[in-house]
Every structure is written in C-alpha cells, then in structure tokens.
Amino acid sequence: MEGIGADLEVMKRVPLAAEHIDAIRAIGRERSYGAGEMMARIGDPMDRFLYVVEGEIEVLDPYSEKRLGDVTLGPGQFVGELSFLSGGNYFLAMRAVSRTVTIEVAREAMLDLMARVPELSDHIITVFAARRQQLVERRSSSIKVIGSELDPDIQKVGAFLSRNHIPFESFDLDGSDEEAMQLCKLVDHKPAVIFDHDRKIEPPTPREVARALNMNLDIGDDLRTDILIVGAGPAGVAAAVNAGAEGLSALVVEDTAIGGQAGASSRIENYMGFPTGISGADLVFRGQIQALRFGTCFAMPRRVERLSAERDGLFCATLDGGGRILARSILVATGVQYHRLPLERPEQFENAGVFYAATETEARFCRNTDAVVVGGGNSAGQAAMYLSRVAHRVHILVRGDKLSDTMSSYLVQRLEAQPKIEIHFGTEVTALHGGDHLERITIRSGDAVSILSTRALFVMIGASPNTGWLSDLVELDSRGFVKTGKAVGAQRPLETSRQGIFAVGDVRAGSVKRVASAAGEGSVVVSGIYEFLGEP
C-alpha cells in the first residue's frame, strides 16, 4: 500500500545543483558553530533553513542527549523535516560534532525561493517527507505519551498525533525499563504527555500538544484572509492546494486532525493513481504538504463556533478558545460525523471500546479478541478488512439484507472471501456492557437475542452534517446539509444561498459521498471563489 515519504535508508543521496546552492547563498548568510555547540534545541521554532557547507551535525536522543542512531549530516546536506513548511518546532535537538559552517536562510525567504524554483522545492520536500516518515516509523521524538492505552484522554492524544503524522513514543505507567520508570516518577504515575525530557504538557490534550509544537496557529483578533476553509478532509485540503496555487491567502481550520472522516479509513483502493491502495490519512497528508508548499496555513485542533456577516462584506468566524478570523470568502468543508448507536448512554464507552475510526491506533484493541463493525457502507467494509489482520474474528452487523446497495462491489467480494470476517444481516446492537471498558454487547437478529464478547466495537452508521456553526447564514435541506447552486438560485454551482459562502464534499446536499468526489469538488470550487473575489 502506498505511503507518504520514501525509505530514507535506501534513498539515493543527490546533492543540490550548483545553481541552487548559489541561489541559497545569495539570500542567506554564513554561520560557524564550534564543536559541541547546540544548533537547535527541542521546541525551537524551525524558522531557518540550514545548508551544511563543512563539518558534521548529529541528532540527539532527547533522553540520553547522546547521538540518535548512527546518521549524521555533512557537507552538501541540509537540516530539517516537514515542520519547516508549517513553521513548527523541532522535535529533536541538533549539535555540531566538529567545527561546522552553514548557510542559513530565513524560512519565509526560503519558501519564496522554493516557490520560484520547483526543482529545488521537489528535492527538499522529498527529503523532508522521507525524514518525517523515518521519525514516525522509528518513533524518534521528544514527545512521550505516558499512560494506559485504555485511558480515553491518552487515546485522544495518540490518535491526534498519529493522524497528523507526528512522531511520538508511548510508555505504560507500569513500564519496567529505566526510561519508563523515570518518566512515571516525573509525572507522579499519572497519565501525562512529556515534551523534551522533563517538560510536562498540562492538561494532556491534543490542543496543548499542538500548542507546544506550534501547530495551533495562535490566532488573535481580526486575522484576515482571502479564504477561510473550515474542515481539513479531502475536499478542504484539495481546496487549500488550489487556493495557494492561485496566489490566494488561505487558512484551514480543523477541529480534530488532517483527513476528516477519510482520515479514519485504513485503505482506499478506488482512488485514481494509487493502484496498491492508500490510507485516507496518507492521501490527505500528501495534500497538506502540497498546500503548505503554496503558502496555505493550517490551524488545528481549532473549531469555528459561529459565523457572522460583517457590514463591510467580510465574514467573521469566531473560534473556540478565542480569536476571530475575518475572511473575504468561506468554504464549508466540515463533512459529516457518524451517528451514535441509539442506546442509553453510548458515550460511556467511547474511546473505551467504542470507536468511530479504524486506524492503527484503534486496531491495537482488537488483538486476541473479536472486533465488531456496525454499518454497511464502504468505510465499514474497509474497516473490517483492515481489522481482520489483527483481530481473532471480525463481525459485521448490517440492518439490511444485502451490502450491494451501499458498498462497492470489489469490497463486498473481498469481505465474502475473507474467512475471518462474518457478516450478520438483519442484525443490530441493543445494549453495551462492561465496567471501565466495553466487554460485551447484546445483538438482536429478528426475534433471536444473543451476547457477543468484544472489547472493540466500531460504529459506522449514518452521518449528520456539521453545520451548526453556520448560524443560519445559508439555506440547508431538511437533514441539515448545505444546499448549493441552482437549488438556491446561486450564480455558481458550489455557492450557497449567501454570496461568498461555498460548500463542498459530504456536507453539501446532493454530493456523492466518496473521497474522489470530495477532492474533485474542493479542486474546482476555487475557480468560483476566485471569480467571486474578483468582482467589484
């Protein structure tokens, strides 16, 4: 299956072209470091590009402060990874091994050069992506998540980091190795997140972790932008790429993680260009890298709480936790969210056995147990196939009597051919049981009622649009989806009943609920927004 970033271990080292080095030298300045001098510390902003002229640089293990692995950077190489594109912070510290000379360029100037010289940009981003992939795979990071994997708060942090491709290490409170014991002592044997070797992130929430990594985009009052894109699923990120390519200032606000509902899909096989399949998270993350390359900004996890129309023609979006954004246009790409099971207190077991996504983070709970997937759409089918790799058995519960009406044919055939998957038609969940964690469920098929033992229930039924924040500014259909185009007398196909507000993807009434369709709408809507912004 396709993944983001090449394998750094086997990737051929290609030096920068002489003309590219000259261009970097022309906008940078030379700087010298003595042996043993720190060049970047954990948490420092990645606000400059470092090209190594002579000497050697080592990456440090945040715990021991010794060299991490056996790889160093030398003449002809450059420092950094994908955080450079977004202006994030260093995950790991860097130190000069010997006298080292670099050419250093301010981040904004380097991004401008990369925009003007695509060959240079391609080279740098390829290396940056490979480095990030290696950090994620090796869990090389100064971010340490400490606590039981059954703790809902720890799960939220882990899911946020994983879905945003941020490397981190996990430690159980009962860990017996030296580092685990010291960390647990540092946090008084309570669930926590450590940044660097001793800085506690409190409270241990995705918001505070994002703040420490400089991902949250500290928004004050009245930040201005051409386009405010609300939602970072396939539709929103596709729009972010094209808005940046058209030279428009764009800001994407996302309240969970890159990918939206598609980010919860472990494998997409019917998206053109990826014959071996790709996870939803990887697909949208690739788009984010493209958007960052064009200068689009991302703020997450942040949520738009309400939207208003100002007298001067601008729209004002008020965010949770404070901050206002003034935008000349709005793109609604908030997608939908799965319904909860119609049972008493379903939230009791959420992130404690009941999940709404099936990624690596959730799949850990399926080992040595039966997993249950509720739903008959493509997302449910993809989840079942993915979970069958680790679960003892996967049960799919479907209220109807067949899957062909709601699921792609290729996926139905694979489910039927997988011996570890059992499909139960005409079946529904009627009760959840357990203490601090889900232990079993009651299911009903016709008049027959039975108990099924499971510690992992995946709910993928129905979907409600996320439109409450629109504050009645646009016309919705009877189910709350945003109406666009001719249905509301709009001038442009994806424009809503309010000029300047557009809608794409699953949140739009009448849209095809597929990743490819959402990405396509996000791409084409920018031409309509560009036209609107150009009107007198």
Protein backbone atom coordinates (compact mmCIF):
# COMPACT_ATOMS: atom_id res chain seq x y z
CA MET A 1 0.00 0.00 0.00
CA GLU A 2 1.24 3.48 -0.87
CA GLY A 3 2.66 5.55 2.00
CA ILE A 4 3.91 9.06 2.46
CA GLY A 5 7.66 9.53 2.13
CA ALA A 6 10.36 7.34 0.66
CA ASP A 7 12.59 4.94 2.61
CA LEU A 8 15.44 7.13 3.83
CA GLU A 9 17.67 4.09 4.34
CA VAL A 10 17.78 3.23 0.65
CA MET A 11 17.03 6.63 -0.85
CA LYS A 12 19.90 7.78 -3.05
CA ARG A 13 21.60 10.90 -1.79
CA VAL A 14 21.50 13.51 -4.52
CA PRO A 15 23.36 16.78 -3.90
CA LEU A 16 21.73 20.09 -4.66
CA ALA A 17 22.54 21.53 -8.07
CA ALA A 18 25.27 24.18 -8.15
CA GLU A 19 22.82 26.88 -9.28
CA HIS A 20 20.51 26.01 -6.38
CA ILE A 21 23.34 26.33 -3.88
CA ASP A 22 24.23 29.72 -5.40
CA ALA A 23 20.60 30.83 -5.06
CA ILE A 24 20.56 29.78 -1.40
CA ARG A 25 23.84 31.55 -0.74
CA ALA A 26 22.52 34.73 -2.36
CA ILE A 27 19.65 35.07 0.14
CA GLY A 28 21.36 33.56 3.19
CA ARG A 29 24.28 34.21 5.47
CA GLU A 30 27.17 32.03 6.51
CA ARG A 31 27.44 30.97 10.14
CA SER A 32 30.02 28.95 12.03
CA TYR A 33 29.46 26.61 15.00
CA GLY A 34 32.12 25.22 17.31
CA ALA A 35 32.45 21.53 18.16
CA GLY A 36 29.78 20.56 20.69
CA GLU A 37 27.73 23.72 20.14
CA MET A 38 23.95 23.30 20.04
CA MET A 39 22.46 24.27 16.68
CA ALA A 40 18.80 23.67 17.55
CA ARG A 41 17.08 22.67 20.77
CA ILE A 42 13.81 20.81 21.22
CA GLY A 43 10.95 23.27 20.96
CA ASP A 44 12.92 25.87 19.00
CA PRO A 45 10.99 27.21 16.01
CA MET A 46 12.10 25.78 12.69
CA ASP A 47 12.41 29.30 11.33
CA ARG A 48 15.51 28.98 9.19
CA PHE A 49 16.89 26.67 6.51
CA LEU A 50 20.39 25.30 7.21
CA TYR A 51 22.60 24.09 4.38
CA VAL A 52 25.84 22.43 5.53
CA VAL A 53 29.00 23.76 3.87
CA GLU A 54 31.54 21.93 6.03
CA GLY A 55 31.61 19.98 9.27
CA GLU A 56 29.20 17.45 10.77
CA ILE A 57 25.85 17.64 12.63
CA GLU A 58 24.35 14.97 14.88
CA VAL A 59 20.78 14.50 16.06
CA LEU A 60 20.42 13.92 19.80
CA ASP A 61 18.36 11.40 21.72
CA PRO A 62 16.12 13.54 23.97
CA TYR A 63 16.54 11.14 26.90
CA SER A 64 20.28 10.42 26.91
CA GLU A 65 21.37 13.51 24.92
CA LYS A 66 23.71 11.20 23.02
CA ARG A 67 23.73 10.72 19.26
CA LEU A 68 20.47 9.23 17.97
CA GLY A 69 21.41 6.34 15.73
CA ASP A 70 24.47 6.45 13.51
CA VAL A 71 23.38 9.01 10.91
CA THR A 72 24.85 12.50 10.77
CA LEU A 73 24.53 15.38 8.33
CA GLY A 74 27.57 16.57 6.43
CA PRO A 75 28.62 18.90 3.60
CA GLY A 76 26.06 19.14 0.82
CA GLN A 77 23.15 18.16 3.06
CA PHE A 78 20.56 20.29 4.81
CA VAL A 79 18.75 20.29 8.15
CA GLY A 80 15.03 19.89 8.71
CA GLU A 81 11.85 17.96 8.03
CA LEU A 82 8.23 18.79 7.21
CA SER A 83 7.76 21.09 10.22
CA PHE A 84 9.80 23.63 8.27
CA LEU A 85 6.94 24.10 5.80
CA SER A 86 4.42 24.95 8.52
CA GLY A 87 6.76 26.85 10.80
CA GLY A 88 6.55 24.21 13.52
CA ASN A 89 9.07 23.40 16.21
CA TYR A 90 11.99 20.99 16.33
CA PHE A 91 11.11 17.50 17.63
CA LEU A 92 14.76 16.67 18.25
CA ALA A 93 17.87 18.66 19.16
CA MET A 94 20.89 19.05 16.85
CA ARG A 95 24.54 19.59 17.75
CA ALA A 96 27.75 20.28 15.85
CA VAL A 97 30.16 17.32 16.06
CA SER A 98 33.11 19.36 14.83
CA ARG A 99 33.55 22.91 13.59
CA THR A 100 30.59 23.32 11.26
CA VAL A 101 29.82 26.01 8.72
CA THR A 102 26.29 26.51 7.37
CA ILE A 103 24.42 28.83 5.06
CA GLU A 104 21.27 29.90 6.88
CA VAL A 105 18.19 31.37 5.20
CA ALA A 106 15.13 32.80 6.94
CA ARG A 107 12.13 30.48 6.50
CA GLU A 108 9.96 32.95 4.56
CA ALA A 109 12.77 33.75 2.14
CA MET A 110 13.47 30.06 1.59
CA LEU A 111 9.81 29.26 0.97
CA ASP A 112 9.71 32.08 -1.57
CA LEU A 113 12.77 30.63 -3.32
CA MET A 114 11.22 27.15 -3.33
CA ALA A 115 8.05 28.59 -4.88
CA ARG A 116 10.09 30.14 -7.68
CA VAL A 117 12.35 27.13 -8.29
CA PRO A 118 10.18 23.98 -8.39
CA GLU A 119 13.13 21.61 -8.97
CA LEU A 120 14.71 22.80 -5.71
CA SER A 121 11.37 22.53 -3.93
CA ASP A 122 10.84 18.97 -5.18
CA HIS A 123 14.24 17.91 -3.89
CA ILE A 124 13.84 19.47 -0.44
CA ILE A 125 10.27 18.28 0.14
CA THR A 126 11.14 14.72 -0.91
CA VAL A 127 13.90 14.61 1.70
CA PHE A 128 11.75 16.32 4.33
CA ALA A 129 8.93 13.79 3.81
CA ALA A 130 11.33 10.83 3.98
CA ARG A 131 12.79 12.13 7.23
CA ARG A 132 9.35 12.59 8.78
CA GLN A 133 8.39 9.07 7.71
CA GLN A 134 11.52 7.66 9.34
CA LEU A 135 10.86 9.57 12.57
CA VAL A 136 7.30 8.22 12.68
CA GLU A 137 8.33 4.63 11.96
CA ARG A 138 11.15 4.66 14.49
CA ARG A 139 9.12 6.70 16.99
CA SER A 140 12.09 9.05 17.27
CA SER A 141 10.68 12.03 19.09
CA SER A 142 10.86 14.16 22.20
CA ILE A 143 7.10 13.70 22.64
CA LYS A 144 6.33 10.97 25.15
CA VAL A 145 2.76 9.88 25.85
CA ILE A 146 2.54 8.21 29.27
CA GLY A 147 -0.47 6.23 30.40
CA SER A 148 -2.65 3.23 29.77
CA GLU A 149 -3.81 2.72 26.20
CA LEU A 150 -7.28 2.21 27.70
CA ASP A 151 -7.30 5.79 29.05
CA PRO A 152 -9.66 7.84 26.78
CA ASP A 153 -7.60 11.04 27.19
CA ILE A 154 -4.39 9.27 26.27
CA GLN A 155 -6.16 7.71 23.29
CA LYS A 156 -7.24 11.14 22.04
CA VAL A 157 -3.69 12.46 22.19
CA GLY A 158 -2.30 9.36 20.50
CA ALA A 159 -4.92 9.49 17.75
CA PHE A 160 -4.27 13.20 17.16
CA LEU A 161 -0.51 12.66 16.83
CA SER A 162 -0.86 9.55 14.66
CA ARG A 163 -3.38 11.06 12.25
CA ASN A 164 -1.21 14.15 11.85
CA HIS A 165 1.93 12.04 11.20
CA ILE A 166 3.72 13.38 14.26
CA PRO A 167 6.28 11.01 15.79
CA PHE A 168 5.88 10.11 19.46
CA GLU A 169 6.74 7.40 21.96
CA SER A 170 4.25 5.63 24.21
CA PHE A 171 5.01 4.47 27.73
CA ASP A 172 2.81 2.43 30.03
CA LEU A 173 2.54 3.54 33.64
CA ASP A 174 3.69 0.06 34.64
CA GLY A 175 6.73 0.06 32.35
CA SER A 176 9.83 -1.59 33.79
CA ASP A 177 12.68 -0.15 31.70
CA GLU A 178 14.78 2.68 33.10
CA GLU A 179 13.33 5.46 30.93
CA ALA A 180 9.74 4.40 31.61
CA MET A 181 10.32 4.30 35.36
CA GLN A 182 11.95 7.73 35.40
CA LEU A 183 9.16 9.22 33.30
CA CYS A 184 6.46 7.72 35.50
CA LYS A 185 8.21 9.14 38.55
CA LEU A 186 8.39 12.54 36.85
CA VAL A 187 4.60 12.58 36.28
CA ASP A 188 3.75 11.07 39.68
CA HIS A 189 2.44 7.91 37.97
CA LYS A 190 -0.41 9.83 36.37
CA PRO A 191 -1.33 9.97 32.66
CA ALA A 192 0.67 12.76 31.02
CA VAL A 193 2.50 14.00 27.95
CA ILE A 194 6.17 14.98 28.20
CA PHE A 195 7.80 17.30 25.67
CA ASP A 196 11.61 17.28 25.71
CA HIS A 197 12.91 15.22 28.64
CA ASP A 198 11.14 16.94 31.51
CA ARG A 199 8.53 19.45 30.31
CA LYS A 200 5.01 18.32 31.21
CA ILE A 201 2.21 19.29 28.86
CA GLU A 202 -0.79 20.02 31.04
CA PRO A 203 -3.53 19.19 30.61
CA PRO A 204 -2.57 16.27 28.32
CA THR A 205 -4.90 17.22 25.47
CA PRO A 206 -4.48 17.48 21.69
CA ARG A 207 -4.87 21.28 21.98
CA GLU A 208 -1.96 21.64 24.43
CA VAL A 209 0.23 19.24 22.45
CA ALA A 210 -0.46 21.24 19.28
CA ARG A 211 0.41 24.43 21.12
CA ALA A 212 3.76 23.01 22.22
CA LEU A 213 4.53 22.03 18.62
CA ASN A 214 3.43 25.44 17.31
CA MET A 215 0.66 23.79 15.25
CA ASN A 216 -2.20 25.71 16.77
CA LEU A 217 -1.55 28.96 14.91
CA ASP A 218 -2.05 31.44 17.72
CA ILE A 219 -4.89 33.46 16.26
CA GLY A 220 -5.53 36.86 17.75
CA ASP A 221 -8.43 39.10 16.89
CA ASP A 222 -9.21 40.00 13.30
CA LEU A 223 -6.73 37.87 11.37
CA ARG A 224 -7.55 38.49 7.70
CA THR A 225 -7.52 36.01 4.83
CA ASP A 226 -8.97 35.65 1.33
CA ILE A 227 -10.46 32.23 2.04
CA LEU A 228 -11.31 30.55 5.31
CA ILE A 229 -11.62 26.81 4.73
CA VAL A 230 -13.44 25.08 7.56
CA GLY A 231 -12.59 21.38 7.60
CA ALA A 232 -9.43 19.51 6.53
CA GLY A 233 -10.86 16.43 4.88
CA PRO A 234 -10.21 15.64 1.19
CA ALA A 235 -12.45 18.48 0.00
CA GLY A 236 -10.96 21.13 2.28
CA VAL A 237 -7.35 20.16 1.66
CA ALA A 238 -7.87 19.96 -2.13
CA ALA A 239 -9.25 23.50 -1.97
CA ALA A 240 -6.27 24.56 0.14
CA VAL A 241 -3.86 23.30 -2.53
CA ASN A 242 -5.63 25.09 -5.35
CA ALA A 243 -6.19 28.32 -3.42
CA GLY A 244 -2.48 28.54 -2.67
CA ALA A 245 -1.62 27.74 -6.28
CA GLU A 246 -3.83 30.64 -7.39
CA GLY A 247 -1.98 33.03 -5.09
CA LEU A 248 -4.87 33.48 -2.65
CA SER A 249 -4.25 33.67 1.08
CA ALA A 250 -5.99 30.72 2.70
CA LEU A 251 -6.38 29.40 6.21
CA VAL A 252 -7.68 25.91 7.03
CA VAL A 253 -9.28 25.35 10.43
CA GLU A 254 -9.75 21.76 11.58
CA ASP A 255 -11.06 20.64 14.96
CA THR A 256 -9.65 17.11 15.00
CA ALA A 257 -6.89 16.10 12.59
CA ILE A 258 -5.97 16.18 8.94
CA GLY A 259 -8.11 13.82 6.89
CA GLY A 260 -11.54 14.24 8.42
CA GLN A 261 -13.68 11.13 8.10
CA ALA A 262 -11.47 9.90 5.25
CA GLY A 263 -8.53 10.01 7.66
CA ALA A 264 -10.21 7.23 9.62
CA SER A 265 -10.12 4.95 6.57
CA SER A 266 -7.25 2.47 6.69
CA ARG A 267 -7.26 1.67 2.97
CA ILE A 268 -8.72 3.34 -0.12
CA GLU A 269 -8.35 1.30 -3.28
CA ASN A 270 -10.57 3.11 -5.79
CA TYR A 271 -8.75 6.47 -5.84
CA MET A 272 -7.00 7.06 -9.14
CA GLY A 273 -3.22 7.00 -9.07
CA PHE A 274 -2.75 4.55 -6.18
CA PRO A 275 -3.09 1.05 -7.65
CA THR A 276 -1.98 -0.65 -4.42
CA GLY A 277 -4.25 1.49 -2.26
CA ILE A 278 -3.53 4.28 0.21
CA SER A 279 -4.82 5.15 3.65
CA GLY A 280 -7.09 8.14 3.92
CA ALA A 281 -4.69 9.80 6.35
CA ASP A 282 -1.74 9.45 3.94
CA LEU A 283 -3.76 10.69 0.98
CA VAL A 284 -4.86 13.89 2.68
CA PHE A 285 -1.48 14.40 4.36
CA ARG A 286 0.11 14.48 0.90
CA GLY A 287 -2.36 17.21 0.02
CA GLN A 288 -1.46 19.15 3.14
CA ILE A 289 2.21 19.10 2.15
CA GLN A 290 1.27 20.48 -1.26
CA ALA A 291 -0.86 23.20 0.33
CA LEU A 292 1.90 24.20 2.75
CA ARG A 293 4.28 24.42 -0.18
CA PHE A 294 1.96 27.02 -1.74
CA GLY A 295 1.74 29.01 1.49
CA THR A 296 -1.64 27.88 2.86
CA CYS A 297 -1.79 27.88 6.68
CA PHE A 298 -3.41 25.25 8.93
CA ALA A 299 -4.74 25.74 12.47
CA MET A 300 -5.67 22.66 14.49
CA PRO A 301 -7.21 21.49 16.61
CA ARG A 302 -9.36 24.61 16.43
CA ARG A 303 -13.10 24.86 15.89
CA VAL A 304 -15.27 27.58 14.38
CA GLU A 305 -18.09 28.16 16.85
CA ARG A 306 -20.10 30.71 14.90
CA LEU A 307 -20.06 32.71 11.70
CA SER A 308 -21.39 36.19 11.04
CA ALA A 309 -21.58 38.55 8.07
CA GLU A 310 -19.99 41.97 8.66
CA ARG A 311 -21.13 45.26 7.18
CA ASP A 312 -18.01 45.68 5.06
CA GLY A 313 -18.66 42.47 3.16
CA LEU A 314 -16.33 40.33 5.22
CA PHE A 315 -17.28 37.23 7.16
CA CYS A 316 -16.25 36.88 10.78
CA ALA A 317 -15.52 33.42 12.22
CA THR A 318 -15.24 33.14 15.98
CA LEU A 319 -13.08 30.25 17.22
CA ASP A 320 -13.27 28.19 20.36
CA GLY A 321 -10.81 29.42 22.92
CA GLY A 322 -10.81 32.93 21.49
CA GLY A 323 -9.69 34.58 18.30
CA ARG A 324 -11.57 35.90 15.28
CA ILE A 325 -10.87 35.43 11.59
CA LEU A 326 -12.05 37.95 9.01
CA ALA A 327 -12.39 36.33 5.60
CA ARG A 328 -13.46 37.57 2.20
CA SER A 329 -14.98 34.16 1.46
CA ILE A 330 -15.88 30.99 3.33
CA LEU A 331 -15.59 27.38 2.19
CA VAL A 332 -17.71 24.93 4.17
CA ALA A 333 -15.92 21.55 4.10
CA THR A 334 -16.84 20.23 7.53
CA GLY A 335 -18.11 16.89 6.28
CA VAL A 336 -20.26 14.65 8.44
CA GLN A 337 -19.91 12.67 11.63
CA TYR A 338 -21.10 9.14 12.32
CA HIS A 339 -24.21 8.72 14.41
CA ARG A 340 -24.01 7.22 17.86
CA LEU A 341 -25.85 3.99 18.46
CA PRO A 342 -29.44 4.67 19.58
CA LEU A 343 -28.79 3.22 23.03
CA GLU A 344 -28.78 4.50 26.57
CA ARG A 345 -25.53 6.34 27.44
CA PRO A 346 -23.45 5.28 24.38
CA GLU A 347 -20.82 7.86 25.36
CA GLN A 348 -19.93 5.76 28.42
CA PHE A 349 -17.69 3.52 26.32
CA GLU A 350 -16.48 5.99 23.69
CA ASN A 351 -12.69 5.59 23.37
CA ALA A 352 -13.07 2.79 25.90
CA GLY A 353 -14.15 0.10 23.46
CA VAL A 354 -16.48 2.06 21.16
CA PHE A 355 -14.73 3.76 18.24
CA TYR A 356 -15.68 5.76 15.14
CA ALA A 357 -12.45 5.20 13.21
CA ALA A 358 -10.38 2.14 12.31
CA THR A 359 -6.72 3.12 12.12
CA GLU A 360 -3.59 1.67 13.68
CA THR A 361 -4.41 3.46 16.93
CA GLU A 362 -7.76 1.70 17.35
CA ALA A 363 -6.64 -1.61 15.86
CA ARG A 364 -4.44 -2.27 18.91
CA PHE A 365 -7.58 -3.05 20.91
CA CYS A 366 -8.55 -5.86 18.54
CA ARG A 367 -5.68 -8.22 19.33
CA ASN A 368 -6.84 -11.53 20.79
CA THR A 369 -10.50 -10.50 20.68
CA ASP A 370 -13.43 -10.38 18.29
CA ALA A 371 -14.00 -6.98 16.70
CA VAL A 372 -17.46 -5.80 15.70
CA VAL A 373 -18.18 -3.32 12.91
CA VAL A 374 -21.64 -1.78 12.68
CA GLY A 375 -22.52 -0.42 9.24
CA GLY A 376 -22.88 -1.35 5.60
CA GLY A 377 -21.02 1.40 3.74
CA ASN A 378 -17.53 1.47 2.22
CA SER A 379 -15.98 2.83 5.41
CA ALA A 380 -17.37 -0.11 7.38
CA GLY A 381 -16.11 -2.58 4.78
CA GLN A 382 -12.64 -1.07 4.68
CA ALA A 383 -12.52 -1.09 8.47
CA ALA A 384 -13.47 -4.77 8.61
CA MET A 385 -10.79 -5.75 6.09
CA TYR A 386 -8.14 -3.80 7.99
CA LEU A 387 -9.14 -5.14 11.41
CA SER A 388 -9.18 -8.73 10.17
CA ARG A 389 -5.38 -8.56 10.09
CA VAL A 390 -5.16 -8.30 13.87
CA ALA A 391 -8.50 -9.43 15.35
CA HIS A 392 -9.35 -13.03 16.13
CA ARG A 393 -12.55 -12.56 14.13
CA VAL A 394 -14.49 -9.59 12.72
CA HIS A 395 -18.28 -9.44 12.82
CA ILE A 396 -20.08 -7.00 10.50
CA LEU A 397 -23.58 -6.12 11.68
CA VAL A 398 -25.92 -4.84 8.95
CA ARG A 399 -29.56 -3.91 9.43
CA GLY A 400 -30.45 -4.66 5.81
CA ASP A 401 -30.38 -7.94 3.90
CA LYS A 402 -27.52 -7.18 1.47
CA LEU A 403 -24.45 -4.96 1.03
CA SER A 404 -24.51 -4.30 -2.70
CA ASP A 405 -26.81 -1.28 -2.36
CA THR A 406 -24.43 0.62 -0.07
CA MET A 407 -20.94 -0.80 -0.68
CA SER A 408 -18.62 -1.03 -3.71
CA SER A 409 -18.70 -4.40 -5.46
CA TYR A 410 -14.95 -5.06 -5.13
CA LEU A 411 -15.18 -4.56 -1.37
CA VAL A 412 -18.19 -6.86 -0.97
CA GLN A 413 -16.31 -9.62 -2.81
CA ARG A 414 -13.28 -9.24 -0.55
CA LEU A 415 -15.37 -9.36 2.61
CA GLU A 416 -17.11 -12.52 1.46
CA ALA A 417 -13.78 -14.14 0.61
CA GLN A 418 -12.11 -13.35 3.95
CA PRO A 419 -12.58 -16.34 6.30
CA LYS A 420 -12.00 -14.20 9.42
CA ILE A 421 -14.99 -11.98 8.59
CA GLU A 422 -18.57 -12.93 9.35
CA ILE A 423 -21.45 -10.79 8.02
CA HIS A 424 -24.68 -10.71 10.04
CA PHE A 425 -27.63 -9.38 8.04
CA GLY A 426 -30.76 -8.03 9.70
CA THR A 427 -28.83 -7.54 12.93
CA GLU A 428 -28.47 -4.63 15.34
CA VAL A 429 -26.84 -3.82 18.68
CA THR A 430 -29.32 -3.39 21.53
CA ALA A 431 -27.07 -2.97 24.59
CA LEU A 432 -23.47 -2.38 25.68
CA HIS A 433 -21.95 -3.99 28.78
CA GLY A 434 -18.78 -3.54 30.80
CA GLY A 435 -17.09 -1.61 33.59
CA ASP A 436 -14.42 0.95 32.70
CA HIS A 437 -14.12 -0.65 29.27
CA LEU A 438 -16.50 -2.39 26.88
CA GLU A 439 -16.61 -6.16 27.47
CA ARG A 440 -19.61 -7.48 25.52
CA ILE A 441 -22.66 -6.42 23.53
CA THR A 442 -26.21 -7.67 23.10
CA ILE A 443 -27.30 -8.15 19.50
CA ARG A 444 -30.69 -8.95 18.01
CA SER A 445 -31.44 -10.66 14.72
CA GLY A 446 -35.17 -10.94 14.18
CA ASP A 447 -36.53 -12.49 17.37
CA ALA A 448 -33.18 -14.02 18.35
CA VAL A 449 -31.16 -12.24 21.03
CA SER A 450 -27.56 -13.16 21.86
CA ILE A 451 -24.46 -11.91 23.67
CA LEU A 452 -21.21 -11.29 21.81
CA SER A 453 -17.95 -10.79 23.73
CA THR A 454 -15.85 -7.93 22.35
CA ARG A 455 -13.60 -5.14 23.54
CA ALA A 456 -13.68 -3.27 20.23
CA LEU A 457 -16.90 -2.00 18.62
CA PHE A 458 -16.63 0.21 15.53
CA VAL A 459 -19.71 2.29 14.77
CA MET A 460 -20.05 3.49 11.16
CA ILE A 461 -23.74 4.14 10.68
CA GLY A 462 -25.49 7.12 9.17
CA ALA A 463 -23.99 10.56 9.22
CA SER A 464 -25.03 14.06 10.29
CA PRO A 465 -23.61 17.20 8.65
CA ASN A 466 -21.51 19.57 10.76
CA THR A 467 -23.35 22.82 10.05
CA GLY A 468 -24.42 24.23 13.41
CA TRP A 469 -21.66 26.87 13.31
CA LEU A 470 -23.10 28.47 10.15
CA SER A 471 -25.55 30.46 12.30
CA ASP A 472 -28.44 30.29 9.81
CA LEU A 473 -26.50 32.27 7.20
CA VAL A 474 -27.15 29.71 4.44
CA GLU A 475 -30.06 27.55 3.39
CA LEU A 476 -30.00 23.90 4.49
CA ASP A 477 -32.10 20.94 3.40
CA SER A 478 -34.40 19.02 5.75
CA ARG A 479 -31.50 16.90 7.03
CA GLY A 480 -29.16 19.82 7.65
CA PHE A 481 -26.98 19.51 4.53
CA VAL A 482 -25.93 22.73 2.76
CA LYS A 483 -27.82 23.50 -0.44
CA THR A 484 -25.86 24.97 -3.36
CA GLY A 485 -26.14 26.05 -6.97
CA LYS A 486 -29.43 26.20 -8.85
CA ALA A 487 -31.34 24.80 -5.87
CA VAL A 488 -30.87 28.15 -4.09
CA GLY A 489 -30.52 30.44 -7.11
CA ALA A 490 -26.76 30.82 -6.69
CA GLN A 491 -24.65 32.22 -9.51
CA ARG A 492 -22.05 29.46 -9.22
CA PRO A 493 -22.52 25.66 -8.93
CA LEU A 494 -20.95 25.24 -5.46
CA GLU A 495 -22.04 28.56 -3.99
CA THR A 496 -24.67 28.64 -1.25
CA SER A 497 -27.68 30.91 -0.84
CA ARG A 498 -25.29 33.51 0.64
CA GLN A 499 -22.84 35.03 -1.85
CA GLY A 500 -19.26 34.39 -0.79
CA ILE A 501 -20.02 31.17 1.12
CA PHE A 502 -19.34 27.94 -0.77
CA ALA A 503 -19.78 24.29 0.23
CA VAL A 504 -18.05 21.11 -0.94
CA GLY A 505 -17.78 17.44 -0.02
CA ASP A 506 -20.03 15.37 2.19
CA VAL A 507 -21.58 18.39 3.93
CA ARG A 508 -23.11 19.56 0.63
CA ALA A 509 -26.63 18.43 -0.20
CA GLY A 510 -26.67 16.05 -3.14
CA SER A 511 -22.93 15.35 -3.13
CA VAL A 512 -21.55 11.89 -3.90
CA LYS A 513 -20.19 10.59 -0.60
CA ARG A 514 -16.83 9.41 -1.92
CA VAL A 515 -13.26 10.63 -1.34
CA ALA A 516 -12.58 11.22 -5.04
CA SER A 517 -15.73 13.29 -5.44
CA ALA A 518 -14.93 15.41 -2.38
CA ALA A 519 -11.38 16.07 -3.61
CA GLY A 520 -12.73 16.98 -7.04
CA GLU A 521 -15.23 19.47 -5.63
CA GLY A 522 -12.54 21.01 -3.45
CA SER A 523 -10.35 21.48 -6.50
CA VAL A 524 -12.93 23.05 -8.81
CA VAL A 525 -14.61 25.32 -6.24
CA VAL A 526 -11.57 27.59 -6.09
CA SER A 527 -12.23 28.91 -9.59
CA GLY A 528 -15.68 30.06 -8.43
CA ILE A 529 -14.22 31.64 -5.29
CA TYR A 530 -11.53 33.37 -7.35
CA GLU A 531 -14.24 34.74 -9.64
CA PHE A 532 -16.27 35.97 -6.65
CA LEU A 533 -13.26 37.70 -5.08
CA GLY A 534 -12.51 39.43 -8.37
CA GLU A 535 -15.94 41.05 -8.59
CA PRO A 536 -16.10 44.77 -7.85
